[in-house]
C-alpha atoms as a PDB file:
ATOM      1  CA  MET A   1      -6.055  13.917  34.368  1.00  0.00           C
ATOM      2  CA  ILE A   2      -5.946  11.577  31.111  1.00  0.00           C
ATOM      3  CA  ARG A   3      -8.138  12.845  28.296  1.00  0.00           C
ATOM      4  CA  ARG A   4      -9.217  11.049  25.059  1.00  0.00           C
ATOM      5  CA  THR A   5      -8.808  12.684  21.730  1.00  0.00           C
ATOM      6  CA  THR A   6      -8.883  12.037  17.974  1.00  0.00           C
ATOM      7  CA  VAL A   7      -5.798  11.878  15.782  1.00  0.00           C
ATOM      8  CA  ARG A   8      -5.893  12.139  12.055  1.00  0.00           C
ATOM      9  CA  LEU A   9      -2.744  10.131  10.712  1.00  0.00           C
ATOM     10  CA  PRO A  10      -1.562   9.034   7.248  1.00  0.00           C
ATOM     11  CA  SER A  11      -2.341   5.390   7.043  1.00  0.00           C
ATOM     12  CA  GLU A  12       1.221   4.633   6.289  1.00  0.00           C
ATOM     13  CA  LEU A  13       2.557   6.684   9.509  1.00  0.00           C
ATOM     14  CA  LEU A  14      -0.184   4.923  11.510  1.00  0.00           C
ATOM     15  CA  LYS A  15       0.728   1.488  10.165  1.00  0.00           C
ATOM     16  CA  LYS A  16       4.610   2.308  11.041  1.00  0.00           C
ATOM     17  CA  ALA A  17       3.853   3.258  14.251  1.00  0.00           C
ATOM     18  CA  GLN A  18       1.714   0.356  15.227  1.00  0.00           C
ATOM     19  CA  ARG A  19       4.260  -1.984  14.001  1.00  0.00           C
ATOM     20  CA  LYS A  20       7.090  -0.170  16.345  1.00  0.00           C
ATOM     21  CA  ALA A  21       4.494  -0.456  19.015  1.00  0.00           C
ATOM     22  CA  ALA A  22       4.407  -4.270  18.809  1.00  0.00           C
ATOM     23  CA  ALA A  23       7.998  -4.741  18.338  1.00  0.00           C
ATOM     24  CA  GLU A  24       8.650  -2.681  21.337  1.00  0.00           C
ATOM     25  CA  GLY A  25       5.777  -4.711  23.143  1.00  0.00           C
ATOM     26  CA  ARG A  26       3.841  -1.580  24.516  1.00  0.00           C
ATOM     27  CA  THR A  27       0.998   0.274  23.322  1.00  0.00           C
ATOM     28  CA  LEU A  28       0.322   2.834  20.423  1.00  0.00           C
ATOM     29  CA  THR A  29      -1.110   5.179  23.004  1.00  0.00           C
ATOM     30  CA  GLY A  30       2.521   4.823  25.067  1.00  0.00           C
ATOM     31  CA  LEU A  31       4.251   5.157  21.747  1.00  0.00           C
ATOM     32  CA  MET A  32       2.733   8.386  20.865  1.00  0.00           C
ATOM     33  CA  GLU A  33       2.890   9.720  24.587  1.00  0.00           C
ATOM     34  CA  GLU A  34       6.518   9.309  24.779  1.00  0.00           C
ATOM     35  CA  GLY A  35       7.193  10.969  21.215  1.00  0.00           C
ATOM     36  CA  LEU A  36       5.024  13.553  22.171  1.00  0.00           C
ATOM     37  CA  ARG A  37       6.752  14.112  25.419  1.00  0.00           C
ATOM     38  CA  TYR A  38      10.167  13.831  23.807  1.00  0.00           C
ATOM     39  CA  VAL A  39       9.075  16.815  21.019  1.00  0.00           C
ATOM     40  CA  VAL A  40       7.457  19.167  23.509  1.00  0.00           C
ATOM     41  CA  SER A  41       9.876  18.687  26.287  1.00  0.00           C
ATOM     42  CA  GLU A  42      13.225  19.036  24.136  1.00  0.00           C
ATOM     43  CA  LYS A  43      14.608  22.597  23.171  1.00  0.00           C
ATOM     44  CA  PRO A  44      16.069  22.611  19.609  1.00  0.00           C
ATOM     45  CA  SER A  45      19.713  21.594  19.389  1.00  0.00           C
ATOM     46  CA  ASN A  46      21.783  24.086  17.244  1.00  0.00           C
ATOM     47  CA  GLU A  47      24.621  21.309  17.421  1.00  0.00           C
ATOM     48  CA  LYS A  48      25.518  19.058  14.407  1.00  0.00           C
ATOM     49  CA  ARG A  49      24.582  15.809  14.821  1.00  0.00           C
ATOM     50  CA  GLU A  50      26.942  12.935  13.210  1.00  0.00           C
ATOM     51  CA  ARG A  51      25.372  12.072   9.923  1.00  0.00           C
ATOM     52  CA  VAL A  52      24.673   7.995   9.765  1.00  0.00           C
ATOM     53  CA  MET A  53      24.986   6.639   6.544  1.00  0.00           C
ATOM     54  CA  PRO A  54      22.595   3.757   5.596  1.00  0.00           C
ATOM     55  CA  ARG A  55      24.513   0.220   4.991  1.00  0.00           C
ATOM     56  CA  VAL A  56      25.638  -0.149   1.485  1.00  0.00           C
ATOM     57  CA  SER A  57      26.257  -3.796  -0.016  1.00  0.00           C
ATOM     58  CA  THR A  58      29.717  -4.314  -1.108  1.00  0.00           C
ATOM     59  CA  ALA A  59      28.156  -7.175  -3.298  1.00  0.00           C
ATOM     60  CA  GLY A  60      28.764  -6.597  -7.154  1.00  0.00           C
ATOM     61  CA  GLY A  61      24.848  -5.762  -7.452  1.00  0.00           C
ATOM     62  CA  GLY A  62      21.573  -6.404  -5.869  1.00  0.00           C
ATOM     63  CA  GLN A  63      20.256  -5.936  -2.256  1.00  0.00           C
ATOM     64  CA  ALA A  64      22.438  -5.728   1.088  1.00  0.00           C
ATOM     65  CA  PRO A  65      23.026  -9.083   2.552  1.00  0.00           C
ATOM     66  CA  GLY A  66      19.986 -10.293   4.770  1.00  0.00           C
ATOM     67  CA  VAL A  67      17.409  -8.384   2.540  1.00  0.00           C
ATOM     68  CA  ARG A  68      15.406 -10.233  -0.002  1.00  0.00           C
ATOM     69  CA  THR A  69      11.891  -8.552   0.424  1.00  0.00           C
ATOM     70  CA  LEU A  70      10.562  -5.219   1.586  1.00  0.00           C
ATOM     71  CA  ARG A  71       9.664  -6.652   4.879  1.00  0.00           C
ATOM     72  CA  ASP A  72      13.020  -7.591   5.620  1.00  0.00           C
ATOM     73  CA  LEU A  73      14.098  -3.719   5.002  1.00  0.00           C
ATOM     74  CA  GLU A  74      11.227  -2.679   7.158  1.00  0.00           C
ATOM     75  CA  GLU A  75      12.354  -5.057   9.989  1.00  0.00           C
ATOM     76  CA  ILE A  76      16.051  -3.747   9.659  1.00  0.00           C
ATOM     77  CA  GLU A  77      14.654  -0.192  10.061  1.00  0.00           C
ATOM     78  CA  ASP A  78      12.521  -1.042  12.824  1.00  0.00           C
ATOM     79  CA  ALA A  79      14.972  -2.797  15.034  1.00  0.00           C
ATOM     80  CA  GLU A  80      17.318   0.341  13.978  1.00  0.00           C
ATOM     81  CA  TYR A  81      14.637   2.738  15.331  1.00  0.00           C
ATOM     82  CA  ILE A  82      14.094   1.059  18.520  1.00  0.00           C
ATOM     83  CA  GLU A  83      18.047   1.144  19.219  1.00  0.00           C
ATOM     84  CA  ARG A  84      18.117   4.851  18.180  1.00  0.00           C
ATOM     85  CA  LEU A  85      15.187   5.375  21.198  1.00  0.00           C
ATOM     86  CA  ARG A  86      17.193   3.456  23.363  1.00  0.00           C
ATOM     87  CA  ASN A  87      19.745   5.340  23.078  1.00  0.00           C
ATOM     88  CA  GLY A  88      18.232   8.928  23.364  1.00  0.00           C
ATOM     89  CA  PHE A  89      17.904   9.524  19.307  1.00  0.00           C
ATOM     90  CA  ARG A  90      21.702   9.919  19.248  1.00  0.00           C
END
């Protein structure tokens, strides 16, 4: 049985979730459902995960290559997040 509910979220989190859902071609409801299923079904893991370091520009200064605006950076982060989703957050 599917039920409706109201969820209060910080506006930035909601915007980011909406962008992710749109980037994946799915609904916000579907994205939230998958996230909740993941959180409630997984047992906490005590094993240490490999730390992923952010990309660092080797240029003499300025932004990383391909990043000119904050929007460029958000798109890169969204793409990386989608890839982590596909790989099961590993």
